Amino acid sequence: MDSHTSENPGRKILITGSTIGAELARAYAADSTVGTVVYTYRTREPTFSSSKIMCVSMDLTCERQVEDFMSQLDRLDGVLNTVGLLHEEAMQPEKSISRVSAKQLMRSLEINTLPTLLLAKHSRRVLRRSQGAFFATISAKVGSIEDNRLGGWYSYRATKAALNMAIKTLAIEWRLALPKCTVAALHPGTVASPLSKPFTRNKNHVLLPEESAVHLKKILDGLRPEDTGRFWAWNGEELPW
């Protein structure tokens, strides 16, 4: 039995940290079917009131850290990656191809795409031991190629589209390898957070993180194996890849 999740019976859920990730951790901790929520953070440990939530410091872009952590677990019933990057102080979404840089594109790929791949690679063993698991990641509607009508945001769109392709490809592989694990991408809506703050001033419908978390948990709780490889919006709408 692993040291991180041996205390409580019930489902074991891993959630990687962000504003919405913290709210999802709280929502799962309040679920009577869940025994333990493992919440990862990179720099600043959050405060939770629930004893079900166990916080672990981890850099999700470092494969060795992800692998070492997963090796300590005996089983997981759900993995949800909520980490993403739209902008930083010196890095803003590109409105024109003239603003694209190799540095920004690679940084976006490192945060928006790589962690999900590393988590999938190293969680396979522990998800296999579940009788009904999910593996999901927070993507974005702007990562949909078919839905792209406005353009712009080159690095963010491209790396979220790459994430979507990774999820779709993983679902195909795991349909046979892990038939009891449902793989999905999730669009959380426009959520009030440091990520979205500069871009939500003129938005009519902005969700609070806790509101989005409730909707996303409802989707995850309703997933069945036949739903694997699909892309869901926070309101239950299926989105095109």
Protein backbone atom coordinates (compact mmCIF):
# COMPACT_ATOMS: atom_id res chain seq x y z
CA MET A 1 0.00 0.00 0.00
CA ASP A 2 1.33 3.40 -0.88
CA SER A 3 2.29 6.04 1.66
CA HIS A 4 0.22 8.79 0.04
CA THR A 5 -3.20 7.13 -0.08
CA SER A 6 -3.32 4.34 2.50
CA GLU A 7 -5.39 6.04 5.18
CA ASN A 8 -8.94 6.27 3.82
CA PRO A 9 -11.16 3.74 2.02
CA GLY A 10 -13.01 4.78 -1.11
CA ARG A 11 -11.95 6.09 -4.50
CA LYS A 12 -8.53 7.67 -4.96
CA ILE A 13 -8.38 10.70 -7.22
CA LEU A 14 -5.29 12.60 -8.38
CA ILE A 15 -5.78 16.26 -9.34
CA THR A 16 -2.97 18.48 -10.53
CA GLY A 17 -3.11 22.00 -9.22
CA SER A 18 -4.55 25.25 -10.51
CA THR A 19 -7.32 27.59 -9.38
CA ILE A 20 -9.99 25.29 -10.75
CA GLY A 21 -8.02 22.23 -9.68
CA ALA A 22 -8.22 23.32 -6.06
CA GLU A 23 -12.00 23.66 -6.34
CA LEU A 24 -12.26 20.24 -7.94
CA ALA A 25 -10.19 18.81 -5.09
CA ARG A 26 -12.68 20.28 -2.62
CA ALA A 27 -15.62 18.93 -4.62
CA TYR A 28 -14.18 15.42 -4.71
CA ALA A 29 -13.28 15.54 -1.03
CA ALA A 30 -16.96 16.25 -0.30
CA ASP A 31 -17.99 13.15 -2.25
CA SER A 32 -18.78 10.25 0.09
CA THR A 33 -17.49 7.71 -2.45
CA VAL A 34 -14.03 9.28 -2.43
CA GLY A 35 -11.54 8.33 0.25
CA THR A 36 -8.50 10.34 -0.80
CA VAL A 37 -7.75 13.25 -3.11
CA VAL A 38 -4.09 13.74 -3.95
CA TYR A 39 -3.54 17.34 -5.02
CA THR A 40 -0.26 18.38 -6.61
CA TYR A 41 1.19 21.86 -6.55
CA ARG A 42 4.44 23.32 -7.81
CA THR A 43 5.46 26.28 -5.65
CA ARG A 44 2.85 27.33 -3.11
CA GLU A 45 1.03 24.74 -1.03
CA PRO A 46 -2.70 25.51 -0.76
CA THR A 47 -4.76 25.21 2.39
CA PHE A 48 -7.63 22.75 2.51
CA SER A 49 -9.98 22.05 5.39
CA SER A 50 -10.69 18.44 4.41
CA SER A 51 -8.50 15.71 5.85
CA LYS A 52 -9.17 13.70 2.68
CA ILE A 53 -6.93 16.00 0.62
CA MET A 54 -3.23 15.23 0.63
CA CYS A 55 -0.93 17.81 -0.98
CA VAL A 56 2.21 16.81 -2.86
CA SER A 57 4.80 19.14 -4.39
CA MET A 58 5.59 18.13 -7.97
CA ASP A 59 6.91 19.66 -11.18
CA LEU A 60 4.72 18.07 -13.85
CA THR A 61 7.22 18.91 -16.58
CA CYS A 62 9.88 16.77 -14.87
CA GLU A 63 9.39 13.16 -15.89
CA ARG A 64 11.51 11.79 -13.07
CA GLN A 65 9.31 13.48 -10.46
CA VAL A 66 6.13 12.18 -12.08
CA GLU A 67 7.53 8.67 -12.38
CA ASP A 68 8.85 8.58 -8.81
CA PHE A 69 5.52 9.77 -7.43
CA MET A 70 3.44 7.27 -9.40
CA SER A 71 5.71 4.43 -8.28
CA GLN A 72 4.58 5.07 -4.69
CA LEU A 73 0.89 4.55 -5.47
CA ASP A 74 -1.00 1.28 -5.41
CA ARG A 75 -4.13 2.37 -7.31
CA LEU A 76 -5.85 5.40 -8.76
CA ASP A 77 -9.50 5.70 -9.78
CA GLY A 78 -9.12 9.03 -11.51
CA VAL A 79 -6.47 11.39 -12.85
CA LEU A 80 -7.35 14.98 -13.74
CA ASN A 81 -4.76 17.42 -15.04
CA THR A 82 -5.86 21.05 -14.70
CA VAL A 83 -2.54 22.80 -15.35
CA GLY A 84 -2.39 25.21 -18.29
CA LEU A 85 -0.73 28.39 -19.52
CA LEU A 86 -2.20 31.20 -21.62
CA HIS A 87 0.12 34.03 -20.67
CA GLU A 88 2.92 35.13 -18.37
CA GLU A 89 4.24 38.58 -17.55
CA ALA A 90 6.54 38.65 -20.56
CA MET A 91 4.43 36.36 -22.74
CA GLN A 92 1.06 37.41 -24.14
CA PRO A 93 -1.20 35.57 -26.63
CA GLU A 94 -0.14 36.34 -30.19
CA LYS A 95 -2.75 38.14 -32.28
CA SER A 96 -0.58 37.89 -35.40
CA ILE A 97 1.89 35.39 -36.84
CA SER A 98 4.46 38.19 -36.62
CA ARG A 99 4.37 37.85 -32.82
CA VAL A 100 5.10 34.11 -32.72
CA SER A 101 8.42 33.10 -31.15
CA ALA A 102 10.09 29.75 -30.64
CA LYS A 103 10.51 30.50 -26.94
CA GLN A 104 6.81 31.16 -26.36
CA LEU A 105 5.68 28.20 -28.43
CA MET A 106 7.97 25.78 -26.61
CA ARG A 107 7.00 27.19 -23.22
CA SER A 108 3.32 26.71 -24.08
CA LEU A 109 3.96 23.15 -25.24
CA GLU A 110 5.84 22.40 -22.02
CA ILE A 111 2.90 23.47 -19.84
CA ASN A 112 -0.18 22.80 -21.98
CA THR A 113 0.73 19.46 -23.56
CA LEU A 114 3.64 17.66 -21.88
CA PRO A 115 2.20 17.12 -18.36
CA THR A 116 -0.80 15.16 -19.63
CA LEU A 117 1.45 12.86 -21.64
CA LEU A 118 3.77 12.23 -18.69
CA LEU A 119 0.85 11.61 -16.34
CA ALA A 120 -0.69 9.14 -18.78
CA LYS A 121 2.59 7.31 -19.30
CA HIS A 122 3.24 6.78 -15.61
CA SER A 123 -0.32 6.35 -14.28
CA ARG A 124 -1.20 3.42 -16.51
CA ARG A 125 -0.11 0.83 -13.95
CA VAL A 126 -2.19 2.26 -11.11
CA LEU A 127 -5.25 3.05 -13.24
CA ARG A 128 -5.26 -0.54 -14.47
CA ARG A 129 -6.02 -1.68 -10.91
CA SER A 130 -9.24 0.34 -10.74
CA GLN A 131 -12.62 -1.20 -11.49
CA GLY A 132 -13.74 1.99 -13.20
CA ALA A 133 -11.37 4.91 -13.72
CA PHE A 134 -11.10 8.13 -15.67
CA PHE A 135 -8.14 9.98 -17.12
CA ALA A 136 -8.99 13.55 -18.07
CA THR A 137 -7.37 16.86 -18.78
CA ILE A 138 -8.53 20.45 -18.89
CA SER A 139 -8.25 21.57 -22.49
CA ALA A 140 -9.91 24.60 -24.10
CA LYS A 141 -12.53 25.21 -26.75
CA VAL A 142 -10.00 27.35 -28.62
CA GLY A 143 -7.98 24.17 -29.11
CA SER A 144 -10.70 22.83 -31.41
CA ILE A 145 -9.55 23.04 -35.03
CA GLU A 146 -13.08 22.81 -36.39
CA ASP A 147 -14.37 25.53 -34.05
CA ASN A 148 -11.58 28.04 -34.82
CA ARG A 149 -13.30 30.99 -36.46
CA LEU A 150 -11.51 33.93 -34.86
CA GLY A 151 -7.83 33.04 -35.23
CA GLY A 152 -5.09 34.47 -33.02
CA TRP A 153 -3.53 33.02 -29.88
CA TYR A 154 -1.19 30.87 -31.97
CA SER A 155 0.83 29.14 -29.25
CA TYR A 156 -2.12 28.53 -26.95
CA ARG A 157 -4.38 27.21 -29.70
CA ALA A 158 -1.66 25.03 -31.21
CA THR A 159 -0.59 23.45 -27.93
CA LYS A 160 -4.17 22.84 -26.81
CA ALA A 161 -4.87 21.26 -30.21
CA ALA A 162 -1.81 19.07 -29.65
CA LEU A 163 -3.19 18.18 -26.23
CA ASN A 164 -6.51 17.20 -27.80
CA MET A 165 -4.75 14.97 -30.31
CA ALA A 166 -2.82 13.34 -27.47
CA ILE A 167 -6.05 12.62 -25.58
CA LYS A 168 -7.75 11.19 -28.67
CA THR A 169 -4.73 9.00 -29.43
CA LEU A 170 -4.48 7.83 -25.82
CA ALA A 171 -8.16 6.87 -25.83
CA ILE A 172 -7.60 4.68 -28.89
CA GLU A 173 -4.65 2.91 -27.26
CA TRP A 174 -6.33 2.45 -23.90
CA ARG A 175 -9.61 1.23 -25.37
CA LEU A 176 -7.93 -2.17 -25.48
CA ALA A 177 -5.12 -1.74 -22.95
CA LEU A 178 -7.28 -0.18 -20.19
CA PRO A 179 -10.90 -0.85 -21.17
CA LYS A 180 -12.20 0.19 -17.74
CA CYS A 181 -10.60 3.66 -17.97
CA THR A 182 -12.45 6.46 -19.76
CA VAL A 183 -10.27 9.14 -21.37
CA ALA A 184 -11.64 12.65 -21.92
CA ALA A 185 -10.78 16.28 -22.59
CA LEU A 186 -12.74 19.00 -20.79
CA HIS A 187 -13.44 22.65 -21.58
CA PRO A 188 -14.10 24.43 -18.26
CA GLY A 189 -15.77 27.49 -19.75
CA THR A 190 -14.47 31.00 -19.24
CA VAL A 191 -13.41 30.84 -15.60
CA ALA A 192 -12.46 33.78 -13.38
CA SER A 193 -8.80 33.12 -12.63
CA PRO A 194 -5.36 34.72 -13.00
CA LEU A 195 -5.11 32.89 -16.35
CA SER A 196 -8.21 34.51 -17.80
CA LYS A 197 -8.41 37.84 -15.95
CA PRO A 198 -6.95 40.06 -18.72
CA PHE A 199 -9.39 38.58 -21.25
CA THR A 200 -12.71 38.46 -19.39
CA ARG A 201 -13.58 42.14 -19.07
CA ASN A 202 -16.10 42.03 -21.92
CA LYS A 203 -17.34 38.49 -21.42
CA ASN A 204 -21.02 38.06 -20.60
CA HIS A 205 -20.74 34.69 -18.92
CA VAL A 206 -17.76 34.12 -16.65
CA LEU A 207 -17.90 31.18 -14.26
CA LEU A 208 -16.48 31.20 -10.79
CA PRO A 209 -13.94 28.40 -10.28
CA GLU A 210 -16.25 26.60 -7.87
CA GLU A 211 -19.12 26.78 -10.40
CA SER A 212 -17.02 25.29 -13.18
CA ALA A 213 -15.76 22.60 -10.81
CA VAL A 214 -19.30 21.46 -10.01
CA HIS A 215 -20.14 21.14 -13.71
CA LEU A 216 -16.90 19.34 -14.57
CA LYS A 217 -17.28 16.86 -11.72
CA LYS A 218 -20.80 16.08 -12.92
CA ILE A 219 -19.40 15.26 -16.36
CA LEU A 220 -16.60 13.13 -14.95
CA ASP A 221 -18.96 11.25 -12.65
CA GLY A 222 -21.18 10.44 -15.62
CA LEU A 223 -18.48 9.11 -17.93
CA ARG A 224 -18.77 5.55 -19.17
CA PRO A 225 -16.27 3.46 -21.19
CA GLU A 226 -18.24 4.16 -24.37
CA ASP A 227 -17.58 7.89 -23.83
CA THR A 228 -13.82 7.50 -24.13
CA GLY A 229 -11.99 9.76 -26.55
CA ARG A 230 -14.50 12.63 -26.47
CA PHE A 231 -14.25 16.36 -25.79
CA TRP A 232 -16.77 17.87 -23.37
CA ALA A 233 -17.69 21.44 -22.50
CA TRP A 234 -18.57 22.37 -18.93
CA ASN A 235 -22.29 22.43 -19.78
CA GLY A 236 -22.32 18.85 -21.07
CA GLU A 237 -22.07 19.77 -24.75
CA GLU A 238 -19.79 17.56 -26.82
CA LEU A 239 -17.25 19.66 -28.71
CA PRO A 240 -15.63 18.89 -32.07
CA TRP A 241 -11.94 18.14 -32.10
